Full PDB file with SEQRES, HELIX, SHEET, SSBOND, CRYST1, ORIGX, SCALE, CONECT and MASTER records, all heavy atoms in Angstrom:
SEQRES   1 A   40  ARG PHE LEU GLY GLY LYS ARG SER LEU ILE VAL SER GLN          
SEQRES   2 A   40  MET ARG ARG ARG PRO GLN THR ALA TYR PRO LEU SER LYS          
SEQRES   3 A   40  LYS ALA VAL GLN LEU TYR VAL GLN ILE MET ALA PRO ALA          
SEQRES   4 A   40  CYS                                                          
HELIX    1 AA1 LEU A    9  MET A   14  1                                   6    
HELIX    2 AA2 PRO A   18  MET A   36  1                                  19    
CRYST1    1.000    1.000    1.000  90.00  90.00  90.00 P 1           1          
ORIGX1      1.000000  0.000000  0.000000        0.00000                         
ORIGX2      0.000000  1.000000  0.000000        0.00000                         
ORIGX3      0.000000  0.000000  1.000000        0.00000                         
SCALE1      1.000000  0.000000  0.000000        0.00000                         
SCALE2      0.000000  1.000000  0.000000        0.00000                         
SCALE3      0.000000  0.000000  1.000000        0.00000                         
ATOM      1  N   ARG A   1      13.245-120.797 -91.168  1.00  0.00           N  
ATOM      2  CA  ARG A   1      13.590-119.401 -91.393  1.00  0.00           C  
ATOM      3  C   ARG A   1      14.618-119.287 -92.519  1.00  0.00           C  
ATOM      4  O   ARG A   1      14.482-118.465 -93.432  1.00  0.00           O  
ATOM      5  CB  ARG A   1      14.140-118.788 -90.099  1.00  0.00           C  
ATOM      6  CG  ARG A   1      14.551-117.321 -90.213  1.00  0.00           C  
ATOM      7  CD  ARG A   1      15.080-116.816 -88.872  1.00  0.00           C  
ATOM      8  NE  ARG A   1      15.578-115.450 -88.996  1.00  0.00           N  
ATOM      9  CZ  ARG A   1      14.823-114.378 -88.907  1.00  0.00           C  
ATOM     10  NH1 ARG A   1      13.528-114.503 -88.675  1.00  0.00           N  
ATOM     11  NH2 ARG A   1      15.350-113.167 -89.028  1.00  0.00           N  
ATOM     12  N   PHE A   2      15.624-120.148 -92.469  1.00  0.00           N  
ATOM     13  CA  PHE A   2      16.663-120.166 -93.506  1.00  0.00           C  
ATOM     14  C   PHE A   2      16.064-120.523 -94.870  1.00  0.00           C  
ATOM     15  O   PHE A   2      16.375-119.887 -95.883  1.00  0.00           O  
ATOM     16  CB  PHE A   2      17.753-121.164 -93.116  1.00  0.00           C  
ATOM     17  CG  PHE A   2      18.775-121.402 -94.182  1.00  0.00           C  
ATOM     18  CD1 PHE A   2      19.835-120.526 -94.363  1.00  0.00           C  
ATOM     19  CD2 PHE A   2      18.680-122.512 -95.014  1.00  0.00           C  
ATOM     20  CE1 PHE A   2      20.777-120.744 -95.347  1.00  0.00           C  
ATOM     21  CE2 PHE A   2      19.618-122.743 -96.001  1.00  0.00           C  
ATOM     22  CZ  PHE A   2      20.682-121.854 -96.170  1.00  0.00           C  
ATOM     23  N   LEU A   3      15.220-121.536 -94.902  1.00  0.00           N  
ATOM     24  CA  LEU A   3      14.606-121.956 -96.163  1.00  0.00           C  
ATOM     25  C   LEU A   3      13.708-120.871 -96.736  1.00  0.00           C  
ATOM     26  O   LEU A   3      13.488-120.818 -97.948  1.00  0.00           O  
ATOM     27  CB  LEU A   3      13.813-123.245 -95.960  1.00  0.00           C  
ATOM     28  CG  LEU A   3      14.638-124.492 -95.616  1.00  0.00           C  
ATOM     29  CD1 LEU A   3      13.736-125.661 -95.292  1.00  0.00           C  
ATOM     30  CD2 LEU A   3      15.587-124.847 -96.738  1.00  0.00           C  
ATOM     31  N   GLY A   4      13.202-120.001 -95.862  1.00  0.00           N  
ATOM     32  CA  GLY A   4      12.381-118.882 -96.314  1.00  0.00           C  
ATOM     33  C   GLY A   4      13.198-117.684 -96.774  1.00  0.00           C  
ATOM     34  O   GLY A   4      12.617-116.634 -97.083  1.00  0.00           O  
ATOM     35  N   GLY A   5      14.521-117.828 -96.802  1.00  0.00           N  
ATOM     36  CA  GLY A   5      15.379-116.760 -97.304  1.00  0.00           C  
ATOM     37  C   GLY A   5      15.865-115.788 -96.258  1.00  0.00           C  
ATOM     38  O   GLY A   5      16.434-114.735 -96.598  1.00  0.00           O  
ATOM     39  N   LYS A   6      15.675-116.113 -94.977  1.00  0.00           N  
ATOM     40  CA  LYS A   6      16.104-115.227 -93.901  1.00  0.00           C  
ATOM     41  C   LYS A   6      17.376-115.767 -93.246  1.00  0.00           C  
ATOM     42  O   LYS A   6      17.656-116.964 -93.292  1.00  0.00           O  
ATOM     43  CB  LYS A   6      14.992-115.082 -92.860  1.00  0.00           C  
ATOM     44  CG  LYS A   6      13.714-114.479 -93.421  1.00  0.00           C  
ATOM     45  CD  LYS A   6      12.623-114.402 -92.362  1.00  0.00           C  
ATOM     46  CE  LYS A   6      11.340-113.822 -92.946  1.00  0.00           C  
ATOM     47  NZ  LYS A   6      10.244-113.785 -91.929  1.00  0.00           N  
ATOM     48  N   ARG A   7      18.123-114.879 -92.631  1.00  0.00           N  
ATOM     49  CA  ARG A   7      19.344-115.272 -91.962  1.00  0.00           C  
ATOM     50  C   ARG A   7      19.010-116.007 -90.665  1.00  0.00           C  
ATOM     51  O   ARG A   7      18.017-115.711 -89.991  1.00  0.00           O  
ATOM     52  CB  ARG A   7      20.212-114.048 -91.652  1.00  0.00           C  
ATOM     53  CG  ARG A   7      20.762-113.359 -92.893  1.00  0.00           C  
ATOM     54  CD  ARG A   7      21.541-112.110 -92.516  1.00  0.00           C  
ATOM     55  NE  ARG A   7      22.673-112.414 -91.658  1.00  0.00           N  
ATOM     56  CZ  ARG A   7      23.866-112.801 -92.101  1.00  0.00           C  
ATOM     57  NH1 ARG A   7      24.079-112.933 -93.401  1.00  0.00           N  
ATOM     58  NH2 ARG A   7      24.856-113.044 -91.254  1.00  0.00           N  
ATOM     59  N   SER A   8      19.865-116.982 -90.326  1.00  0.00           N  
ATOM     60  CA  SER A   8      19.699-117.725 -89.089  1.00  0.00           C  
ATOM     61  C   SER A   8      21.059-117.934 -88.448  1.00  0.00           C  
ATOM     62  O   SER A   8      21.938-118.575 -89.047  1.00  0.00           O  
ATOM     63  CB  SER A   8      19.025-119.077 -89.345  1.00  0.00           C  
ATOM     64  OG  SER A   8      19.119-119.895 -88.192  1.00  0.00           O  
ATOM     65  N   LEU A   9      21.250-117.411 -87.260  1.00  0.00           N  
ATOM     66  CA  LEU A   9      22.516-117.583 -86.549  1.00  0.00           C  
ATOM     67  C   LEU A   9      22.753-119.042 -86.212  1.00  0.00           C  
ATOM     68  O   LEU A   9      23.885-119.538 -86.306  1.00  0.00           O  
ATOM     69  CB  LEU A   9      22.512-116.736 -85.271  1.00  0.00           C  
ATOM     70  CG  LEU A   9      23.781-116.808 -84.401  1.00  0.00           C  
ATOM     71  CD1 LEU A   9      24.993-116.343 -85.193  1.00  0.00           C  
ATOM     72  CD2 LEU A   9      23.593-115.975 -83.138  1.00  0.00           C  
ATOM     73  N   ILE A  10      21.695-119.765 -85.848  1.00  0.00           N  
ATOM     74  CA  ILE A  10      21.839-121.181 -85.500  1.00  0.00           C  
ATOM     75  C   ILE A  10      22.320-121.977 -86.701  1.00  0.00           C  
ATOM     76  O   ILE A  10      23.244-122.801 -86.591  1.00  0.00           O  
ATOM     77  CB  ILE A  10      20.499-121.749 -84.973  1.00  0.00           C  
ATOM     78  CG1 ILE A  10      20.181-121.134 -83.611  1.00  0.00           C  
ATOM     79  CG2 ILE A  10      20.551-123.273 -84.873  1.00  0.00           C  
ATOM     80  CD1 ILE A  10      18.820-121.497 -83.084  1.00  0.00           C  
ATOM     81  N   VAL A  11      21.711-121.745 -87.866  1.00  0.00           N  
ATOM     82  CA  VAL A  11      22.146-122.446 -89.079  1.00  0.00           C  
ATOM     83  C   VAL A  11      23.593-122.097 -89.413  1.00  0.00           C  
ATOM     84  O   VAL A  11      24.402-122.977 -89.736  1.00  0.00           O  
ATOM     85  CB  VAL A  11      21.203-122.123 -90.255  1.00  0.00           C  
ATOM     86  CG1 VAL A  11      21.768-122.656 -91.574  1.00  0.00           C  
ATOM     87  CG2 VAL A  11      19.818-122.701 -90.006  1.00  0.00           C  
ATOM     88  N   SER A  12      23.948-120.837 -89.316  1.00  0.00           N  
ATOM     89  CA  SER A  12      25.320-120.413 -89.613  1.00  0.00           C  
ATOM     90  C   SER A  12      26.317-121.095 -88.696  1.00  0.00           C  
ATOM     91  O   SER A  12      27.383-121.546 -89.144  1.00  0.00           O  
ATOM     92  CB  SER A  12      25.441-118.890 -89.479  1.00  0.00           C  
ATOM     93  OG  SER A  12      24.636-118.236 -90.427  1.00  0.00           O  
ATOM     94  N   GLN A  13      25.997-121.185 -87.421  1.00  0.00           N  
ATOM     95  CA  GLN A  13      26.913-121.814 -86.470  1.00  0.00           C  
ATOM     96  C   GLN A  13      27.021-123.318 -86.702  1.00  0.00           C  
ATOM     97  O   GLN A  13      28.118-123.886 -86.654  1.00  0.00           O  
ATOM     98  CB  GLN A  13      26.443-121.531 -85.046  1.00  0.00           C  
ATOM     99  CG  GLN A  13      26.616-120.079 -84.615  1.00  0.00           C  
ATOM    100  CD  GLN A  13      26.078-119.814 -83.224  1.00  0.00           C  
ATOM    101  OE1 GLN A  13      25.172-120.493 -82.747  1.00  0.00           O  
ATOM    102  NE2 GLN A  13      26.650-118.816 -82.556  1.00  0.00           N  
ATOM    103  N   MET A  14      25.902-123.974 -86.975  1.00  0.00           N  
ATOM    104  CA  MET A  14      25.924-125.422 -87.166  1.00  0.00           C  
ATOM    105  C   MET A  14      26.604-125.826 -88.463  1.00  0.00           C  
ATOM    106  O   MET A  14      27.109-126.951 -88.577  1.00  0.00           O  
ATOM    107  CB  MET A  14      24.497-125.983 -87.122  1.00  0.00           C  
ATOM    108  CG  MET A  14      23.856-125.920 -85.754  1.00  0.00           C  
ATOM    109  SD  MET A  14      22.217-126.704 -85.687  1.00  0.00           S  
ATOM    110  CE  MET A  14      22.665-128.439 -85.881  1.00  0.00           C  
ATOM    111  N   ARG A  15      26.654-124.912 -89.430  1.00  0.00           N  
ATOM    112  CA  ARG A  15      27.317-125.218 -90.698  1.00  0.00           C  
ATOM    113  C   ARG A  15      28.836-125.220 -90.584  1.00  0.00           C  
ATOM    114  O   ARG A  15      29.533-125.652 -91.498  1.00  0.00           O  
ATOM    115  CB  ARG A  15      26.903-124.192 -91.759  1.00  0.00           C  
ATOM    116  CG  ARG A  15      25.486-124.380 -92.250  1.00  0.00           C  
ATOM    117  CD  ARG A  15      25.032-123.251 -93.129  1.00  0.00           C  
ATOM    118  NE  ARG A  15      25.812-123.105 -94.341  1.00  0.00           N  
ATOM    119  CZ  ARG A  15      25.487-122.324 -95.358  1.00  0.00           C  
ATOM    120  NH1 ARG A  15      24.372-121.609 -95.294  1.00  0.00           N  
ATOM    121  NH2 ARG A  15      26.227-122.245 -96.432  1.00  0.00           N  
ATOM    122  N   ARG A  16      29.391-124.767 -89.471  1.00  0.00           N  
ATOM    123  CA  ARG A  16      30.838-124.615 -89.355  1.00  0.00           C  
ATOM    124  C   ARG A  16      31.572-125.929 -89.113  1.00  0.00           C  
ATOM    125  O   ARG A  16      32.739-126.059 -89.435  1.00  0.00           O  
ATOM    126  CB  ARG A  16      31.170-123.630 -88.215  1.00  0.00           C  
ATOM    127  CG  ARG A  16      30.699-122.209 -88.492  1.00  0.00           C  
ATOM    128  CD  ARG A  16      30.963-121.314 -87.301  1.00  0.00           C  
ATOM    129  NE  ARG A  16      30.494-119.946 -87.541  1.00  0.00           N  
ATOM    130  CZ  ARG A  16      30.515-118.986 -86.634  1.00  0.00           C  
ATOM    131  NH1 ARG A  16      30.984-119.228 -85.410  1.00  0.00           N  
ATOM    132  NH2 ARG A  16      30.061-117.778 -86.934  1.00  0.00           N  
ATOM    133  N   ARG A  17      30.879-126.900 -88.506  1.00  0.00           N  
ATOM    134  CA  ARG A  17      31.526-128.158 -88.139  1.00  0.00           C  
ATOM    135  C   ARG A  17      30.887-129.310 -88.910  1.00  0.00           C  
ATOM    136  O   ARG A  17      29.665-129.399 -89.011  1.00  0.00           O  
ATOM    137  CB  ARG A  17      31.393-128.415 -86.640  1.00  0.00           C  
ATOM    138  CG  ARG A  17      32.082-127.377 -85.772  1.00  0.00           C  
ATOM    139  CD  ARG A  17      31.895-127.664 -84.294  1.00  0.00           C  
ATOM    140  NE  ARG A  17      32.433-128.959 -83.909  1.00  0.00           N  
ATOM    141  CZ  ARG A  17      31.713-130.026 -83.542  1.00  0.00           C  
ATOM    142  NH1 ARG A  17      30.374-129.950 -83.536  1.00  0.00           N  
ATOM    143  NH2 ARG A  17      32.284-131.151 -83.209  1.00  0.00           N  
ATOM    144  N   PRO A  18      31.716-130.211 -89.442  1.00  0.00           N  
ATOM    145  CA  PRO A  18      31.158-131.347 -90.191  1.00  0.00           C  
ATOM    146  C   PRO A  18      30.139-132.154 -89.392  1.00  0.00           C  
ATOM    147  O   PRO A  18      29.132-132.603 -89.939  1.00  0.00           O  
ATOM    148  CB  PRO A  18      32.393-132.188 -90.521  1.00  0.00           C  
ATOM    149  CG  PRO A  18      33.526-131.234 -90.508  1.00  0.00           C  
ATOM    150  CD  PRO A  18      33.196-130.217 -89.452  1.00  0.00           C  
ATOM    151  N   GLN A  19      30.406-132.340 -88.095  1.00  0.00           N  
ATOM    152  CA  GLN A  19      29.546-133.203 -87.285  1.00  0.00           C  
ATOM    153  C   GLN A  19      28.153-132.616 -87.075  1.00  0.00           C  
ATOM    154  O   GLN A  19      27.205-133.349 -86.794  1.00  0.00           O  
ATOM    155  CB  GLN A  19      30.202-133.471 -85.926  1.00  0.00           C  
ATOM    156  CG  GLN A  19      31.460-134.333 -86.000  1.00  0.00           C  
ATOM    157  CD  GLN A  19      32.681-133.574 -86.518  1.00  0.00           C  
ATOM    158  OE1 GLN A  19      32.693-132.335 -86.542  1.00  0.00           O  
ATOM    159  NE2 GLN A  19      33.693-134.311 -86.927  1.00  0.00           N  
ATOM    160  N   THR A  20      28.020-131.293 -87.165  1.00  0.00           N  
ATOM    161  CA  THR A  20      26.696-130.674 -87.054  1.00  0.00           C  
ATOM    162  C   THR A  20      26.135-130.285 -88.418  1.00  0.00           C  
ATOM    163  O   THR A  20      24.922-130.296 -88.607  1.00  0.00           O  
ATOM    164  CB  THR A  20      26.743-129.444 -86.138  1.00  0.00           C  
ATOM    165  OG1 THR A  20      27.792-128.561 -86.580  1.00  0.00           O  
ATOM    166  CG2 THR A  20      27.017-129.859 -84.700  1.00  0.00           C  
ATOM    167  N   ALA A  21      27.021-129.953 -89.359  1.00  0.00           N  
ATOM    168  CA  ALA A  21      26.559-129.570 -90.696  1.00  0.00           C  
ATOM    169  C   ALA A  21      25.877-130.738 -91.403  1.00  0.00           C  
ATOM    170  O   ALA A  21      24.902-130.542 -92.143  1.00  0.00           O  
ATOM    171  CB  ALA A  21      27.731-129.069 -91.540  1.00  0.00           C  
ATOM    172  N   TYR A  22      26.357-131.958 -91.165  1.00  0.00           N  
ATOM    173  CA  TYR A  22      25.779-133.118 -91.859  1.00  0.00           C  
ATOM    174  C   TYR A  22      24.314-133.356 -91.451  1.00  0.00           C  
ATOM    175  O   TYR A  22      23.427-133.353 -92.322  1.00  0.00           O  
ATOM    176  CB  TYR A  22      26.623-134.369 -91.618  1.00  0.00           C  
ATOM    177  CG  TYR A  22      26.091-135.569 -92.364  1.00  0.00           C  
ATOM    178  CD1 TYR A  22      26.333-135.737 -93.722  1.00  0.00           C  
ATOM    179  CD2 TYR A  22      25.319-136.530 -91.717  1.00  0.00           C  
ATOM    180  CE1 TYR A  22      25.830-136.819 -94.418  1.00  0.00           C  
ATOM    181  CE2 TYR A  22      24.813-137.621 -92.395  1.00  0.00           C  
ATOM    182  CZ  TYR A  22      25.071-137.754 -93.750  1.00  0.00           C  
ATOM    183  OH  TYR A  22      24.549-138.828 -94.437  1.00  0.00           O  
ATOM    184  N   PRO A  23      24.010-133.554 -90.156  1.00  0.00           N  
ATOM    185  CA  PRO A  23      22.585-133.742 -89.814  1.00  0.00           C  
ATOM    186  C   PRO A  23      21.736-132.526 -90.148  1.00  0.00           C  
ATOM    187  O   PRO A  23      20.564-132.667 -90.514  1.00  0.00           O  
ATOM    188  CB  PRO A  23      22.607-134.030 -88.309  1.00  0.00           C  
ATOM    189  CG  PRO A  23      23.914-133.544 -87.828  1.00  0.00           C  
ATOM    190  CD  PRO A  23      24.863-133.697 -88.963  1.00  0.00           C  
ATOM    191  N   LEU A  24      22.318-131.326 -90.033  1.00  0.00           N  
ATOM    192  CA  LEU A  24      21.573-130.117 -90.393  1.00  0.00           C  
ATOM    193  C   LEU A  24      21.195-130.133 -91.866  1.00  0.00           C  
ATOM    194  O   LEU A  24      20.056-129.821 -92.236  1.00  0.00           O  
ATOM    195  CB  LEU A  24      22.418-128.883 -90.090  1.00  0.00           C  
ATOM    196  CG  LEU A  24      21.743-127.530 -90.351  1.00  0.00           C  
ATOM    197  CD1 LEU A  24      20.708-127.240 -89.268  1.00  0.00           C  
ATOM    198  CD2 LEU A  24      22.782-126.413 -90.414  1.00  0.00           C  
ATOM    199  N   SER A  25      22.150-130.527 -92.726  1.00  0.00           N  
ATOM    200  CA  SER A  25      21.870-130.557 -94.173  1.00  0.00           C  
ATOM    201  C   SER A  25      20.799-131.574 -94.511  1.00  0.00           C  
ATOM    202  O   SER A  25      19.959-131.342 -95.393  1.00  0.00           O  
ATOM    203  CB  SER A  25      23.159-130.870 -94.950  1.00  0.00           C  
ATOM    204  OG  SER A  25      23.602-132.207 -94.740  1.00  0.00           O  
ATOM    205  N   LYS A  26      20.799-132.696 -93.807  1.00  0.00           N  
ATOM    206  CA  LYS A  26      19.811-133.732 -94.088  1.00  0.00           C  
ATOM    207  C   LYS A  26      18.433-133.374 -93.534  1.00  0.00           C  
ATOM    208  O   LYS A  26      17.409-133.689 -94.144  1.00  0.00           O  
ATOM    209  CB  LYS A  26      20.287-135.074 -93.524  1.00  0.00           C  
ATOM    210  CG  LYS A  26      21.564-135.589 -94.180  1.00  0.00           C  
ATOM    211  CD  LYS A  26      21.427-135.726 -95.694  1.00  0.00           C  
ATOM    212  CE  LYS A  26      22.621-136.405 -96.327  1.00  0.00           C  
ATOM    213  NZ  LYS A  26      22.468-136.625 -97.785  1.00  0.00           N  
ATOM    214  N   LYS A  27      18.415-132.692 -92.384  1.00  0.00           N  
ATOM    215  CA  LYS A  27      17.145-132.189 -91.876  1.00  0.00           C  
ATOM    216  C   LYS A  27      16.575-131.141 -92.815  1.00  0.00           C  
ATOM    217  O   LYS A  27      15.358-131.090 -93.046  1.00  0.00           O  
ATOM    218  CB  LYS A  27      17.343-131.584 -90.481  1.00  0.00           C  
ATOM    219  CG  LYS A  27      16.043-131.098 -89.837  1.00  0.00           C  
ATOM    220  CD  LYS A  27      15.067-132.250 -89.646  1.00  0.00           C  
ATOM    221  CE  LYS A  27      13.749-131.786 -89.050  1.00  0.00           C  
ATOM    222  NZ  LYS A  27      12.802-132.909 -88.866  1.00  0.00           N  
ATOM    223  N   ALA A  28      17.458-130.323 -93.394  1.00  0.00           N  
ATOM    224  CA  ALA A  28      17.005-129.322 -94.365  1.00  0.00           C  
ATOM    225  C   ALA A  28      16.350-129.989 -95.566  1.00  0.00           C  
ATOM    226  O   ALA A  28      15.328-129.509 -96.073  1.00  0.00           O  
ATOM    227  CB  ALA A  28      18.174-128.447 -94.806  1.00  0.00           C  
ATOM    228  N   VAL A  29      16.913-131.097 -96.041  1.00  0.00           N  
ATOM    229  CA  VAL A  29      16.313-131.827 -97.161  1.00  0.00           C  
ATOM    230  C   VAL A  29      14.922-132.327 -96.772  1.00  0.00           C  
ATOM    231  O   VAL A  29      13.965-132.217 -97.550  1.00  0.00           O  
ATOM    232  CB  VAL A  29      17.216-133.003 -97.588  1.00  0.00           C  
ATOM    233  CG1 VAL A  29      16.484-133.913 -98.582  1.00  0.00           C  
ATOM    234  CG2 VAL A  29      18.506-132.489 -98.218  1.00  0.00           C  
ATOM    235  N   GLN A  30      14.786-132.876 -95.579  1.00  0.00           N  
ATOM    236  CA  GLN A  30      13.495-133.402 -95.133  1.00  0.00           C  
ATOM    237  C   GLN A  30      12.438-132.305 -95.056  1.00  0.00           C  
ATOM    238  O   GLN A  30      11.283-132.508 -95.463  1.00  0.00           O  
ATOM    239  CB  GLN A  30      13.667-134.083 -93.772  1.00  0.00           C  
ATOM    240  CG  GLN A  30      14.520-135.342 -93.832  1.00  0.00           C  
ATOM    241  CD  GLN A  30      14.992-135.800 -92.468  1.00  0.00           C  
ATOM    242  OE1 GLN A  30      14.729-135.160 -91.447  1.00  0.00           O  
ATOM    243  NE2 GLN A  30      15.700-136.917 -92.434  1.00  0.00           N  
ATOM    244  N   LEU A  31      12.819-131.142 -94.554  1.00  0.00           N  
ATOM    245  CA  LEU A  31      11.873-130.018 -94.493  1.00  0.00           C  
ATOM    246  C   LEU A  31      11.589-129.456 -95.881  1.00  0.00           C  
ATOM    247  O   LEU A  31      10.464-129.016 -96.162  1.00  0.00           O  
ATOM    248  CB  LEU A  31      12.430-128.915 -93.590  1.00  0.00           C  
ATOM    249  CG  LEU A  31      12.522-129.253 -92.096  1.00  0.00           C  
ATOM    250  CD1 LEU A  31      13.214-128.119 -91.351  1.00  0.00           C  
ATOM    251  CD2 LEU A  31      11.145-129.519 -91.501  1.00  0.00           C  
ATOM    252  N   TYR A  32      12.587-129.486 -96.735  1.00  0.00           N  
ATOM    253  CA  TYR A  32      12.440-128.933 -98.085  1.00  0.00           C  
ATOM    254  C   TYR A  32      11.373-129.670 -98.890  1.00  0.00           C  
ATOM    255  O   TYR A  32      10.603-129.048 -99.622  1.00  0.00           O  
ATOM    256  CB  TYR A  32      13.787-128.982 -98.799  1.00  0.00           C  
ATOM    257  CG  TYR A  32      13.765-128.479-100.218  1.00  0.00           C  
ATOM    258  CD1 TYR A  32      13.553-127.135-100.503  1.00  0.00           C  
ATOM    259  CD2 TYR A  32      13.993-129.352-101.283  1.00  0.00           C  
ATOM    260  CE1 TYR A  32      13.547-126.670-101.808  1.00  0.00           C  
ATOM    261  CE2 TYR A  32      13.999-128.894-102.585  1.00  0.00           C  
ATOM    262  CZ  TYR A  32      13.774-127.557-102.845  1.00  0.00           C  
ATOM    263  OH  TYR A  32      13.780-127.104-104.149  1.00  0.00           O  
ATOM    264  N   VAL A  33      11.309-131.000 -98.740  1.00  0.00           N  
ATOM    265  CA  VAL A  33      10.298-131.737 -99.520  1.00  0.00           C  
ATOM    266  C   VAL A  33       8.891-131.354 -99.069  1.00  0.00           C  
ATOM    267  O   VAL A  33       7.956-131.366 -99.879  1.00  0.00           O  
ATOM    268  CB  VAL A  33      10.503-133.269 -99.467  1.00  0.00           C  
ATOM    269  CG1 VAL A  33      11.860-133.655-100.016  1.00  0.00           C  
ATOM    270  CG2 VAL A  33      10.310-133.828 -98.075  1.00  0.00           C  
ATOM    271  N   GLN A  34       8.733-131.023 -97.786  1.00  0.00           N  
ATOM    272  CA  GLN A  34       7.428-130.550 -97.328  1.00  0.00           C  
ATOM    273  C   GLN A  34       7.078-129.214 -97.982  1.00  0.00           C  
ATOM    274  O   GLN A  34       5.941-129.001 -98.423  1.00  0.00           O  
ATOM    275  CB  GLN A  34       7.447-130.382 -95.804  1.00  0.00           C  
ATOM    276  CG  GLN A  34       7.660-131.653 -95.032  1.00  0.00           C  
ATOM    277  CD  GLN A  34       7.739-131.404 -93.531  1.00  0.00           C  
ATOM    278  OE1 GLN A  34       7.263-130.392 -93.020  1.00  0.00           O  
ATOM    279  NE2 GLN A  34       8.349-132.329 -92.805  1.00  0.00           N  
ATOM    280  N   ILE A  35       8.051-128.330 -98.032  1.00  0.00           N  
ATOM    281  CA  ILE A  35       7.833-127.002 -98.602  1.00  0.00           C  
ATOM    282  C   ILE A  35       7.565-127.069-100.107  1.00  0.00           C  
ATOM    283  O   ILE A  35       6.726-126.335-100.632  1.00  0.00           O  
ATOM    284  CB  ILE A  35       9.060-126.111 -98.314  1.00  0.00           C  
ATOM    285  CG1 ILE A  35       9.159-125.828 -96.809  1.00  0.00           C  
ATOM    286  CG2 ILE A  35       8.997-124.807 -99.094  1.00  0.00           C  
ATOM    287  CD1 ILE A  35      10.457-125.194 -96.396  1.00  0.00           C  
ATOM    288  N   MET A  36       8.263-127.979-100.798  1.00  0.00           N  
ATOM    289  CA  MET A  36       8.166-128.055-102.255  1.00  0.00           C  
ATOM    290  C   MET A  36       6.995-128.888-102.748  1.00  0.00           C  
ATOM    291  O   MET A  36       6.645-128.825-103.930  1.00  0.00           O  
ATOM    292  CB  MET A  36       9.455-128.635-102.843  1.00  0.00           C  
ATOM    293  CG  MET A  36      10.582-127.642-102.957  1.00  0.00           C  
ATOM    294  SD  MET A  36      10.193-126.254-104.058  1.00  0.00           S  
ATOM    295  CE  MET A  36      10.117-127.081-105.655  1.00  0.00           C  
ATOM    296  N   ALA A  37       6.379-129.666-101.871  1.00  0.00           N  
ATOM    297  CA  ALA A  37       5.310-130.566-102.327  1.00  0.00           C  
ATOM    298  C   ALA A  37       4.180-129.849-103.054  1.00  0.00           C  
ATOM    299  O   ALA A  37       3.710-130.334-104.096  1.00  0.00           O  
ATOM    300  CB  ALA A  37       4.770-131.372-101.148  1.00  0.00           C  
ATOM    301  N   PRO A  38       3.691-128.677-102.575  1.00  0.00           N  
ATOM    302  CA  PRO A  38       2.609-128.010-103.320  1.00  0.00           C  
ATOM    303  C   PRO A  38       3.011-127.596-104.728  1.00  0.00           C  
ATOM    304  O   PRO A  38       2.254-127.805-105.688  1.00  0.00           O  
ATOM    305  CB  PRO A  38       2.279-126.790-102.440  1.00  0.00           C  
ATOM    306  CG  PRO A  38       2.676-127.203-101.068  1.00  0.00           C  
ATOM    307  CD  PRO A  38       3.915-128.021-101.262  1.00  0.00           C  
ATOM    308  N   ALA A  39       4.201-127.002-104.878  1.00  0.00           N  
ATOM    309  CA  ALA A  39       4.649-126.584-106.208  1.00  0.00           C  
ATOM    310  C   ALA A  39       4.832-127.790-107.117  1.00  0.00           C  
ATOM    311  O   ALA A  39       4.472-127.760-108.296  1.00  0.00           O  
ATOM    312  CB  ALA A  39       5.951-125.789-106.103  1.00  0.00           C  
ATOM    313  N   CYS A  40       5.392-128.861-106.564  1.00  0.00           N  
ATOM    314  CA  CYS A  40       5.550-130.075-107.369  1.00  0.00           C  
ATOM    315  C   CYS A  40       4.185-130.648-107.747  1.00  0.00           C  
ATOM    316  O   CYS A  40       3.974-131.091-108.882  1.00  0.00           O  
ATOM    317  CB  CYS A  40       6.358-131.115-106.595  1.00  0.00           C  
ATOM    318  SG  CYS A  40       8.120-130.732-106.434  1.00  0.00           S  
TER     319      CYS A  40                                                      
MASTER        0    0    0    2    0    0    0    6  318    1    0    4          
END                                                                             
């Protein structure tokens, strides 16, 4: 939802703490390559 440009309360909350923001950021990278593969 966040990668699609929409607001996400879960993402906002997890970004507040380093211990949750780190795995969240890396999961976002993993999902991002799936989303970007067609354009690439």
